[in-house]
N, C-alpha and C. Protein backbone atom coordinates (compact mmCIF):
# COMPACT_ATOMS: atom_id res chain seq x y z
N MET A 1 -9.32 71.71 -44.30
CA MET A 1 -10.19 71.66 -43.15
C MET A 1 -9.71 72.62 -42.08
N ASP A 2 -10.62 73.18 -41.37
CA ASP A 2 -10.23 74.03 -40.25
C ASP A 2 -9.96 73.16 -39.03
N GLY A 3 -9.37 73.76 -38.01
CA GLY A 3 -9.00 73.00 -36.82
C GLY A 3 -10.16 72.33 -36.14
N MET A 4 -11.31 72.98 -36.13
CA MET A 4 -12.48 72.42 -35.46
C MET A 4 -12.97 71.16 -36.17
N SER A 5 -12.94 71.17 -37.49
CA SER A 5 -13.36 69.98 -38.23
C SER A 5 -12.43 68.82 -37.95
N ASP A 6 -11.12 69.11 -37.86
CA ASP A 6 -10.16 68.05 -37.56
C ASP A 6 -10.44 67.43 -36.20
N VAL A 7 -10.77 68.27 -35.23
CA VAL A 7 -11.07 67.78 -33.89
C VAL A 7 -12.32 66.91 -33.92
N ARG A 8 -13.36 67.37 -34.60
CA ARG A 8 -14.59 66.59 -34.68
C ARG A 8 -14.37 65.26 -35.37
N LEU A 9 -13.59 65.27 -36.46
CA LEU A 9 -13.30 64.02 -37.15
C LEU A 9 -12.50 63.07 -36.26
N ALA A 10 -11.55 63.61 -35.53
CA ALA A 10 -10.75 62.78 -34.63
C ALA A 10 -11.63 62.17 -33.54
N LEU A 11 -12.52 62.97 -32.97
CA LEU A 11 -13.42 62.46 -31.93
C LEU A 11 -14.36 61.41 -32.50
N ARG A 12 -14.92 61.67 -33.68
CA ARG A 12 -15.83 60.71 -34.30
C ARG A 12 -15.09 59.41 -34.61
N SER A 13 -13.85 59.54 -35.06
CA SER A 13 -13.04 58.36 -35.33
C SER A 13 -12.85 57.53 -34.07
N GLN A 14 -12.58 58.21 -32.95
CA GLN A 14 -12.42 57.50 -31.68
C GLN A 14 -13.72 56.81 -31.27
N GLU A 15 -14.84 57.49 -31.47
CA GLU A 15 -16.13 56.89 -31.14
C GLU A 15 -16.38 55.64 -31.97
N LEU A 16 -16.09 55.74 -33.26
CA LEU A 16 -16.30 54.59 -34.15
C LEU A 16 -15.38 53.44 -33.79
N GLU A 17 -14.13 53.76 -33.42
CA GLU A 17 -13.20 52.71 -33.02
C GLU A 17 -13.69 52.00 -31.75
N ALA A 18 -14.19 52.78 -30.80
CA ALA A 18 -14.71 52.19 -29.56
C ALA A 18 -15.91 51.29 -29.86
N GLU A 19 -16.79 51.75 -30.74
CA GLU A 19 -17.94 50.94 -31.14
C GLU A 19 -17.48 49.67 -31.85
N GLN A 20 -16.46 49.82 -32.70
CA GLN A 20 -15.96 48.67 -33.43
C GLN A 20 -15.39 47.63 -32.47
N GLU A 21 -14.69 48.08 -31.44
CA GLU A 21 -14.17 47.14 -30.45
C GLU A 21 -15.30 46.38 -29.77
N ARG A 22 -16.39 47.10 -29.47
CA ARG A 22 -17.54 46.42 -28.88
C ARG A 22 -18.18 45.49 -29.90
N THR A 23 -18.16 45.88 -31.15
CA THR A 23 -18.75 45.06 -32.22
C THR A 23 -17.96 43.78 -32.40
N ILE A 24 -16.65 43.90 -32.31
CA ILE A 24 -15.80 42.73 -32.50
C ILE A 24 -16.12 41.66 -31.47
N THR A 25 -16.51 42.08 -30.27
CA THR A 25 -16.82 41.10 -29.24
C THR A 25 -18.15 40.39 -29.53
N ALA A 26 -18.98 40.98 -30.40
CA ALA A 26 -20.22 40.32 -30.79
C ALA A 26 -19.88 39.21 -31.78
N PRO A 27 -20.48 38.06 -31.63
CA PRO A 27 -20.13 36.95 -32.53
C PRO A 27 -20.58 37.25 -33.96
N THR A 28 -19.62 37.22 -34.88
CA THR A 28 -19.96 37.43 -36.29
C THR A 28 -19.90 36.12 -37.07
N ASP A 29 -19.57 35.04 -36.37
CA ASP A 29 -19.51 33.76 -37.06
C ASP A 29 -20.89 33.11 -37.17
N ASN A 30 -21.88 33.79 -36.63
CA ASN A 30 -23.25 33.28 -36.79
C ASN A 30 -24.10 34.36 -37.46
N ARG A 31 -25.24 33.97 -37.88
CA ARG A 31 -26.12 34.87 -38.63
C ARG A 31 -26.53 36.09 -37.82
N TRP A 32 -26.83 35.92 -36.53
CA TRP A 32 -27.27 37.05 -35.72
C TRP A 32 -26.16 38.07 -35.51
N GLY A 33 -24.94 37.58 -35.36
CA GLY A 33 -23.81 38.50 -35.23
C GLY A 33 -23.61 39.32 -36.49
N LEU A 34 -23.76 38.68 -37.63
CA LEU A 34 -23.65 39.39 -38.91
C LEU A 34 -24.76 40.42 -39.05
N PHE A 35 -25.97 40.04 -38.69
CA PHE A 35 -27.09 40.98 -38.76
C PHE A 35 -26.86 42.18 -37.85
N TRP A 36 -26.37 41.90 -36.64
CA TRP A 36 -26.13 42.98 -35.69
C TRP A 36 -25.08 43.93 -36.23
N ARG A 37 -24.01 43.40 -36.79
CA ARG A 37 -22.94 44.25 -37.34
C ARG A 37 -23.46 45.10 -38.49
N ARG A 38 -24.24 44.52 -39.38
CA ARG A 38 -24.81 45.30 -40.48
C ARG A 38 -25.67 46.43 -39.95
N ARG A 39 -26.51 46.13 -38.98
CA ARG A 39 -27.39 47.15 -38.42
C ARG A 39 -26.58 48.30 -37.83
N HIS A 40 -25.56 47.95 -37.09
CA HIS A 40 -24.72 48.94 -36.44
C HIS A 40 -23.99 49.82 -37.46
N THR A 41 -23.34 49.22 -38.43
CA THR A 41 -22.57 50.00 -39.40
C THR A 41 -23.47 50.83 -40.30
N ARG A 42 -24.62 50.31 -40.64
CA ARG A 42 -25.54 51.08 -41.48
C ARG A 42 -26.09 52.28 -40.71
N LYS A 43 -26.36 52.11 -39.44
CA LYS A 43 -26.82 53.23 -38.61
C LYS A 43 -25.73 54.29 -38.52
N ALA A 44 -24.48 53.87 -38.39
CA ALA A 44 -23.37 54.82 -38.30
C ALA A 44 -23.24 55.64 -39.59
N LEU A 45 -23.51 55.02 -40.72
CA LEU A 45 -23.47 55.76 -41.99
C LEU A 45 -24.45 56.92 -42.01
N LEU A 46 -25.60 56.71 -41.42
CA LEU A 46 -26.63 57.75 -41.42
C LEU A 46 -26.24 58.94 -40.55
N ASP A 47 -25.31 58.74 -39.62
CA ASP A 47 -24.90 59.80 -38.71
C ASP A 47 -23.73 60.64 -39.23
N LEU A 48 -23.11 60.22 -40.34
CA LEU A 48 -21.95 60.94 -40.85
C LEU A 48 -22.36 62.24 -41.54
N THR A 49 -21.51 63.24 -41.42
CA THR A 49 -21.75 64.52 -42.08
C THR A 49 -21.34 64.41 -43.55
N THR A 50 -21.70 65.41 -44.32
CA THR A 50 -21.34 65.43 -45.73
C THR A 50 -19.83 65.41 -45.91
N ALA A 51 -19.12 66.17 -45.09
CA ALA A 51 -17.66 66.19 -45.17
C ALA A 51 -17.06 64.82 -44.85
N GLN A 52 -17.60 64.15 -43.84
CA GLN A 52 -17.10 62.82 -43.49
C GLN A 52 -17.40 61.82 -44.60
N LEU A 53 -18.57 61.93 -45.19
CA LEU A 53 -18.91 61.04 -46.30
C LEU A 53 -17.97 61.27 -47.48
N ARG A 54 -17.67 62.53 -47.74
CA ARG A 54 -16.74 62.86 -48.83
C ARG A 54 -15.38 62.24 -48.55
N ASP A 55 -14.95 62.26 -47.28
CA ASP A 55 -13.66 61.67 -46.91
C ASP A 55 -13.61 60.17 -47.21
N VAL A 56 -14.72 59.48 -47.05
CA VAL A 56 -14.74 58.03 -47.31
C VAL A 56 -15.20 57.71 -48.72
N GLY A 57 -15.48 58.75 -49.51
CA GLY A 57 -15.80 58.54 -50.91
C GLY A 57 -17.25 58.18 -51.21
N LEU A 58 -18.16 58.61 -50.35
CA LEU A 58 -19.58 58.33 -50.57
C LEU A 58 -20.36 59.63 -50.70
N THR A 59 -21.42 59.57 -51.46
CA THR A 59 -22.34 60.70 -51.51
C THR A 59 -23.38 60.50 -50.41
N ALA A 60 -24.09 61.55 -50.10
CA ALA A 60 -25.15 61.44 -49.09
C ALA A 60 -26.21 60.45 -49.54
N GLU A 61 -26.51 60.44 -50.82
CA GLU A 61 -27.52 59.51 -51.34
C GLU A 61 -27.06 58.05 -51.22
N GLN A 62 -25.79 57.79 -51.52
CA GLN A 62 -25.26 56.42 -51.38
C GLN A 62 -25.31 55.97 -49.92
N ALA A 63 -24.92 56.85 -49.02
CA ALA A 63 -24.94 56.51 -47.59
C ALA A 63 -26.36 56.28 -47.12
N ARG A 64 -27.28 57.12 -47.57
CA ARG A 64 -28.69 56.97 -47.19
C ARG A 64 -29.24 55.65 -47.71
N HIS A 65 -28.93 55.33 -48.95
CA HIS A 65 -29.41 54.08 -49.55
C HIS A 65 -28.91 52.87 -48.76
N GLU A 66 -27.63 52.86 -48.45
CA GLU A 66 -27.07 51.74 -47.68
C GLU A 66 -27.56 51.76 -46.24
N GLY A 67 -27.63 52.93 -45.64
CA GLY A 67 -28.02 53.05 -44.24
C GLY A 67 -29.45 52.65 -43.97
N LEU A 68 -30.31 52.78 -44.96
CA LEU A 68 -31.71 52.44 -44.76
C LEU A 68 -32.07 51.00 -45.15
N LYS A 69 -31.08 50.26 -45.61
CA LYS A 69 -31.31 48.85 -45.93
C LYS A 69 -31.66 48.09 -44.65
N SER A 70 -32.48 47.10 -44.77
CA SER A 70 -32.79 46.22 -43.64
C SER A 70 -31.55 45.42 -43.28
N PHE A 71 -31.39 45.11 -42.01
CA PHE A 71 -30.19 44.43 -41.54
C PHE A 71 -30.03 43.04 -42.14
N TRP A 72 -31.08 42.44 -42.62
CA TRP A 72 -30.98 41.10 -43.16
C TRP A 72 -30.61 41.09 -44.64
N ARG A 73 -30.58 42.28 -45.28
CA ARG A 73 -30.22 42.35 -46.69
C ARG A 73 -28.72 42.55 -46.85
N ASP A 74 -28.16 41.90 -47.85
CA ASP A 74 -26.75 42.07 -48.18
C ASP A 74 -26.46 43.39 -48.80
């Protein structure tokens, strides 16, 4: 990776961590909290670049398939 990609990945990682901290404060012990978390994480998958998806071991098609699932589906 070039230096710019490393910086972008680091910034994206920080953004995701900040979102995760906000997510943790949402109640996940109830159905609505679980639905909200699914919606949030699936939306985040759709925003990842091909390189980021490769880093986590997903293809663009796999991310798209998961990201477009309804929040109420497992």
